[in-house]
Protein backbone atom coordinates (compact mmCIF):
# COMPACT_ATOMS: atom_id res chain seq x y z
CA MET A 1 34.90 -69.06 -10.50
CA LEU A 2 38.64 -69.59 -10.26
CA PRO A 3 40.62 -70.72 -13.29
CA ARG A 4 41.44 -74.42 -13.26
CA HIS A 5 45.17 -73.85 -12.58
CA HIS A 6 44.26 -71.86 -9.42
CA ARG A 7 42.24 -74.66 -7.87
CA ASP A 8 45.13 -76.51 -6.28
CA GLY A 9 45.77 -76.41 -2.55
CA ARG A 10 48.77 -74.08 -2.70
CA PHE A 11 46.74 -71.32 -4.31
CA ARG A 12 43.95 -71.65 -1.75
CA GLN A 13 46.44 -71.61 1.14
CA THR A 14 48.20 -68.55 -0.27
CA PHE A 15 44.89 -66.81 -0.92
CA PHE A 16 43.55 -67.40 2.58
CA ASN A 17 46.84 -66.28 4.16
CA LYS A 18 46.39 -62.90 2.45
CA ILE A 19 43.00 -62.20 4.04
CA ILE A 20 42.82 -59.64 6.83
CA THR A 21 39.48 -59.69 8.59
CA GLY A 22 38.02 -58.01 11.60
CA ASP A 23 35.15 -57.96 14.01
CA GLU A 24 33.60 -55.90 16.78
CA THR A 25 32.88 -57.23 20.25
CA TRP A 26 31.71 -55.82 23.56
CA CYS A 27 34.20 -55.92 26.44
CA PHE A 28 32.95 -55.65 30.01
CA ALA A 29 34.96 -54.20 32.88
CA CYS A 30 35.74 -56.67 35.64
CA ASP A 31 37.68 -56.54 38.89
CA ALA A 32 37.51 -60.25 39.59
CA GLU A 33 40.49 -61.83 41.31
CA THR A 34 42.32 -64.57 39.54
CA LYS A 35 42.86 -67.86 41.36
CA ARG A 36 46.55 -67.24 42.09
CA PRO A 37 46.28 -63.96 44.10
CA SER A 38 43.20 -65.15 45.94
CA SER A 39 44.59 -68.57 46.88
CA LYS A 40 45.41 -69.20 50.52
CA TRP A 41 47.11 -71.99 52.41
CA VAL A 42 44.53 -73.73 54.54
CA GLY A 43 44.58 -76.85 56.65
CA GLU A 44 42.90 -80.06 55.55
CA THR A 45 40.04 -79.55 57.97
CA SER A 46 39.55 -75.83 57.27
CA PRO A 47 36.60 -74.78 55.10
CA ARG A 48 37.43 -73.79 51.56
CA PRO A 49 37.42 -70.04 50.87
CA LYS A 50 34.36 -68.88 48.97
CA LYS A 51 34.66 -67.43 45.49
CA LEU A 52 32.34 -64.73 44.24
CA LYS A 53 30.48 -65.29 41.01
CA PHE A 54 31.39 -63.10 38.08
CA ARG A 55 28.73 -60.56 37.26
CA ARG A 56 28.57 -58.66 34.04
CA SER A 57 29.63 -55.08 34.64
CA ARG A 58 27.61 -52.07 33.60
CA ILE A 59 30.82 -50.60 32.24
CA LYS A 60 31.37 -51.84 28.70
CA THR A 61 33.24 -50.72 25.64
CA MET A 62 33.44 -51.97 22.08
CA LEU A 63 36.66 -53.47 20.76
CA ILE A 64 37.35 -53.48 17.02
CA ILE A 65 40.08 -55.96 16.10
CA PHE A 66 41.64 -56.98 12.77
CA PHE A 67 43.78 -60.05 12.23
CA ASP A 68 45.19 -62.37 9.59
CA SER A 69 46.61 -65.89 9.67
CA HIS A 70 49.74 -64.61 11.46
CA GLY A 71 48.01 -62.70 14.28
CA VAL A 72 46.57 -59.34 15.24
CA VAL A 73 47.17 -56.51 12.78
CA HIS A 74 45.23 -53.68 14.46
CA LYS A 75 42.97 -53.20 17.46
CA GLU A 76 41.24 -50.24 19.02
CA PHE A 77 38.48 -49.43 21.46
CA VAL A 78 35.53 -47.31 20.39
CA PRO A 79 35.43 -44.16 22.55
CA GLU A 80 32.53 -43.97 24.98
CA GLY A 81 29.46 -42.40 23.40
CA LYS A 82 30.63 -43.02 19.82
CA THR A 83 28.59 -45.00 17.31
CA VAL A 84 30.27 -47.13 14.66
CA ASN A 85 28.81 -45.49 11.58
CA ALA A 86 30.35 -45.11 8.12
CA GLU A 87 32.27 -41.95 9.03
CA PHE A 88 33.78 -43.48 12.17
CA TYR A 89 34.53 -46.76 10.35
CA LYS A 90 36.38 -44.84 7.63
CA GLY A 91 38.69 -43.47 10.34
CA VAL A 92 39.19 -47.00 11.67
CA MET A 93 40.11 -48.13 8.14
CA ASP A 94 42.68 -45.33 7.86
CA ARG A 95 44.27 -46.44 11.14
CA LEU A 96 44.05 -50.09 10.01
CA LEU A 97 46.02 -49.33 6.83
CA LYS A 98 48.70 -47.63 8.95
CA GLY A 99 48.73 -50.72 11.17
CA ILE A 100 49.15 -53.02 8.15
CA GLN A 101 51.99 -50.81 6.92
CA ARG A 102 53.69 -51.14 10.32
CA VAL A 103 53.00 -54.85 11.00
CA ARG A 104 53.02 -56.33 7.45
CA PRO A 105 55.15 -53.85 5.44
CA ALA A 106 55.86 -56.16 2.49
CA ALA A 107 52.17 -56.99 1.98
CA PHE A 108 51.26 -53.32 2.36
CA CYS A 109 53.78 -52.07 -0.22
CA ALA A 110 52.73 -54.72 -2.75
CA ARG A 111 49.03 -54.37 -1.83
CA ASP A 112 49.22 -58.14 -1.45
CA PHE A 113 46.29 -58.51 0.96
CA PHE A 114 42.50 -58.53 0.96
CA LEU A 115 40.23 -56.91 3.56
CA LEU A 116 37.26 -59.10 4.44
CA HIS A 117 34.35 -57.14 5.93
CA ASP A 118 31.00 -58.01 7.46
CA ASN A 119 27.81 -57.16 5.63
CA VAL A 120 27.10 -54.39 8.15
CA PRO A 121 25.79 -51.20 6.49
CA ALA A 122 28.63 -49.07 7.94
CA HIS A 123 31.18 -51.41 6.33
CA ARG A 124 29.47 -51.40 2.93
CA ALA A 125 28.77 -47.66 2.82
CA ALA A 126 29.69 -45.82 -0.37
CA SER A 127 32.04 -43.49 1.52
CA VAL A 128 34.01 -46.48 2.87
CA CYS A 129 34.24 -48.06 -0.60
CA GLN A 130 35.36 -44.73 -2.08
CA PHE A 131 38.00 -44.46 0.64
CA PHE A 132 39.66 -47.70 -0.56
CA THR A 133 39.55 -46.98 -4.31
CA PRO A 134 42.44 -44.46 -4.54
CA LYS A 135 44.47 -46.55 -2.09
CA ASN A 136 44.23 -49.60 -4.38
CA VAL A 137 42.97 -51.89 -1.59
CA THR A 138 40.92 -54.97 -2.50
CA THR A 139 37.92 -55.55 -0.26
CA LEU A 140 35.91 -58.74 0.05
CA TYR A 141 32.43 -59.19 1.46
CA PRO A 142 30.88 -62.50 2.48
CA PRO A 143 28.23 -63.86 0.13
CA SER A 144 24.58 -63.58 1.04
CA PRO A 145 23.06 -66.59 2.84
CA ARG A 146 21.18 -67.52 -0.35
CA THR A 147 24.39 -67.92 -2.35
CA LEU A 148 26.69 -69.23 0.39
CA HIS A 149 26.43 -72.88 -0.68
CA ILE A 150 27.43 -71.97 -4.25
CA TYR A 151 30.33 -69.87 -2.99
CA LEU A 152 31.61 -72.66 -0.74
CA ARG A 153 31.38 -75.27 -3.48
CA ARG A 154 33.18 -73.18 -6.09
CA ILE A 155 35.81 -71.35 -4.05
CA ILE A 156 36.54 -73.48 -1.01
CA PHE A 157 35.95 -77.02 -2.22
CA CYS A 158 36.32 -76.30 -5.94
CA SER A 159 33.79 -78.88 -6.97
CA PRO A 160 31.84 -78.35 -10.16
CA SER A 161 28.42 -76.75 -9.87
């Protein structure tokens, strides 16, 4: 639980502005035309041109993206055939730290940021945690669903339990 003097709004705003979080998502290839290049001048009585429906492509790739309250800090695509396991994720974290150093140099030098991860096994692996220890990086993990209501009451809303 936070000390009483840290429960005011300024501390919460400052704290949340220091969080860098990320997520993975699938991106599908698409060659669909946008409305502007496919638009045509037609007369009032002419039939409207038909638009094709978008179909999900078989070509897909995973995007890993990290951002904070100011915008994107680092993004990369997972190479085809690669699996996001602990070893691969450790490499992503190394590139993320270089991205933070480039995009948020003051926060990087002061280590004035927190990395918020998912509860995915690759993110919580011992090798990933050991990677951050010598670099003096603070990592946060979301609470389990059983304790989420306690976490929200104490940290976010700061009401007594």
